[in-house]
Amino acid sequence: MGVTRTDLFTDEQNHIANIIKALGHPARIAIIEYLLKVNVCICSDIVDELPLAQSTISQHLKELKNAGLIKGNIEGTSICYCIDEKTFGFLKNYFGGIMVNTQNQKCC
């Protein structure tokens, strides 16, 4: 397998790629949708909602958290997760800029 040359790209390009990579799995999309529906939750609630093992969900939560898409607070022996609005605001601005540019394009 080839070496990833992330150093050839800007910090912003690498940041966006990491966020989008984290969203590239349907289980992670389901977790995001669940968090949006309930506003906050604890990991065991997600296990009850999705047809995946607790360890698998924990791994997906870790990927989402590392990408900055969710944040979590420790409450006793559990972690309460919620959407990180800062990262979604960043994505909104990024994709909003793309939409503005593509609407003004005169291309094939």
Protein backbone atom coordinates (compact mmCIF):
# COMPACT_ATOMS: atom_id res chain seq x y z
CA MET A 1 0.00 0.00 0.00
CA GLY A 2 1.27 3.47 -0.86
CA VAL A 3 2.35 6.15 1.55
CA THR A 4 -0.12 8.96 2.17
CA ARG A 5 1.51 12.28 1.39
CA THR A 6 -0.62 14.54 3.54
CA ASP A 7 2.30 16.96 3.83
CA LEU A 8 1.66 17.97 0.20
CA PHE A 9 -1.68 19.52 1.15
CA THR A 10 -2.75 22.42 3.33
CA ASP A 11 -3.81 21.96 6.95
CA GLU A 12 -7.37 22.87 5.96
CA GLN A 13 -7.43 20.27 3.16
CA ASN A 14 -6.16 17.59 5.54
CA HIS A 15 -8.66 18.66 8.21
CA ILE A 16 -11.60 18.46 5.80
CA ALA A 17 -10.42 15.08 4.49
CA ASN A 18 -10.20 13.69 8.04
CA ILE A 19 -13.71 14.87 8.86
CA ILE A 20 -15.17 13.45 5.66
CA LYS A 21 -13.29 10.18 6.14
CA ALA A 22 -14.89 9.85 9.58
CA LEU A 23 -18.31 10.35 7.98
CA GLY A 24 -17.55 7.68 5.38
CA HIS A 25 -19.16 4.80 7.28
CA PRO A 26 -22.93 4.23 7.53
CA ALA A 27 -22.69 3.31 11.24
CA ARG A 28 -21.13 6.70 11.96
CA ILE A 29 -23.86 8.46 9.99
CA ALA A 30 -26.43 6.51 12.05
CA ILE A 31 -24.69 7.59 15.27
CA ILE A 32 -24.72 11.26 14.15
CA GLU A 33 -28.41 10.99 13.24
CA TYR A 34 -29.20 9.39 16.60
CA LEU A 35 -27.33 12.11 18.50
CA LEU A 36 -29.25 14.75 16.55
CA LYS A 37 -32.52 13.02 17.42
CA VAL A 38 -31.88 12.69 21.17
CA ASN A 39 -29.66 15.79 21.55
CA VAL A 40 -27.36 13.99 24.07
CA CYS A 41 -26.90 10.39 25.05
CA ILE A 42 -24.71 7.84 26.75
CA CYS A 43 -22.84 5.13 24.87
CA SER A 44 -25.15 2.36 26.13
CA ASP A 45 -28.14 4.20 24.59
CA ILE A 46 -26.48 4.00 21.18
CA VAL A 47 -25.83 0.27 21.68
CA ASP A 48 -29.55 -0.23 22.24
CA GLU A 49 -30.36 1.76 19.08
CA LEU A 50 -27.92 0.25 16.55
CA PRO A 51 -27.46 -3.42 15.59
CA LEU A 52 -23.76 -3.39 16.50
CA ALA A 53 -21.68 -4.65 19.40
CA GLN A 54 -20.75 -2.20 22.15
CA SER A 55 -17.05 -2.47 21.26
CA THR A 56 -17.79 -1.65 17.61
CA ILE A 57 -19.87 1.37 18.56
CA SER A 58 -17.12 2.54 20.90
CA GLN A 59 -14.63 2.39 18.02
CA HIS A 60 -16.96 4.40 15.78
CA LEU A 61 -17.49 6.95 18.58
CA LYS A 62 -13.72 7.25 18.94
CA GLU A 63 -13.35 7.97 15.21
CA LEU A 64 -16.12 10.58 15.31
CA LYS A 65 -14.59 12.22 18.37
CA ASN A 66 -11.07 12.24 16.88
CA ALA A 67 -12.47 14.00 13.81
CA GLY A 68 -14.15 16.59 16.04
CA LEU A 69 -17.67 15.64 14.95
CA ILE A 70 -18.80 14.76 18.45
CA LYS A 71 -17.68 15.61 21.95
CA GLY A 72 -18.09 13.68 25.15
CA ASN A 73 -18.17 14.34 28.86
CA ILE A 74 -17.55 11.75 31.54
CA GLU A 75 -20.56 11.30 33.83
CA GLY A 76 -19.76 8.75 36.52
CA THR A 77 -18.79 5.56 34.72
CA SER A 78 -20.36 6.60 31.41
CA ILE A 79 -19.58 9.11 28.70
CA CYS A 80 -22.30 11.44 27.47
CA TYR A 81 -21.85 12.30 23.77
CA CYS A 82 -23.25 15.16 21.73
CA ILE A 83 -22.70 16.83 18.36
CA ASP A 84 -19.78 19.27 18.14
CA GLU A 85 -21.48 22.23 16.50
CA LYS A 86 -18.13 23.94 15.78
CA THR A 87 -17.03 21.24 13.34
CA PHE A 88 -20.42 21.11 11.63
CA GLY A 89 -20.31 24.91 11.30
CA PHE A 90 -16.90 24.56 9.65
CA LEU A 91 -18.33 22.00 7.20
CA LYS A 92 -21.35 24.20 6.52
CA ASN A 93 -19.07 27.10 5.57
CA TYR A 94 -16.85 24.88 3.44
CA PHE A 95 -19.69 23.24 1.50
CA GLY A 96 -21.60 26.53 1.36
CA GLY A 97 -18.62 28.04 -0.45
CA ILE A 98 -18.64 25.15 -2.89
CA MET A 99 -22.36 25.62 -3.53
CA VAL A 100 -21.93 29.33 -4.23
CA ASN A 101 -19.08 28.64 -6.65
CA THR A 102 -20.86 25.83 -8.51
CA GLN A 103 -24.04 27.88 -8.94
CA ASN A 104 -22.05 30.60 -10.68
CA GLN A 105 -20.12 28.20 -12.91
CA LYS A 106 -20.56 28.16 -16.65
CA CYS A 107 -19.32 24.64 -17.28
CA CYS A 108 -20.29 21.49 -19.21
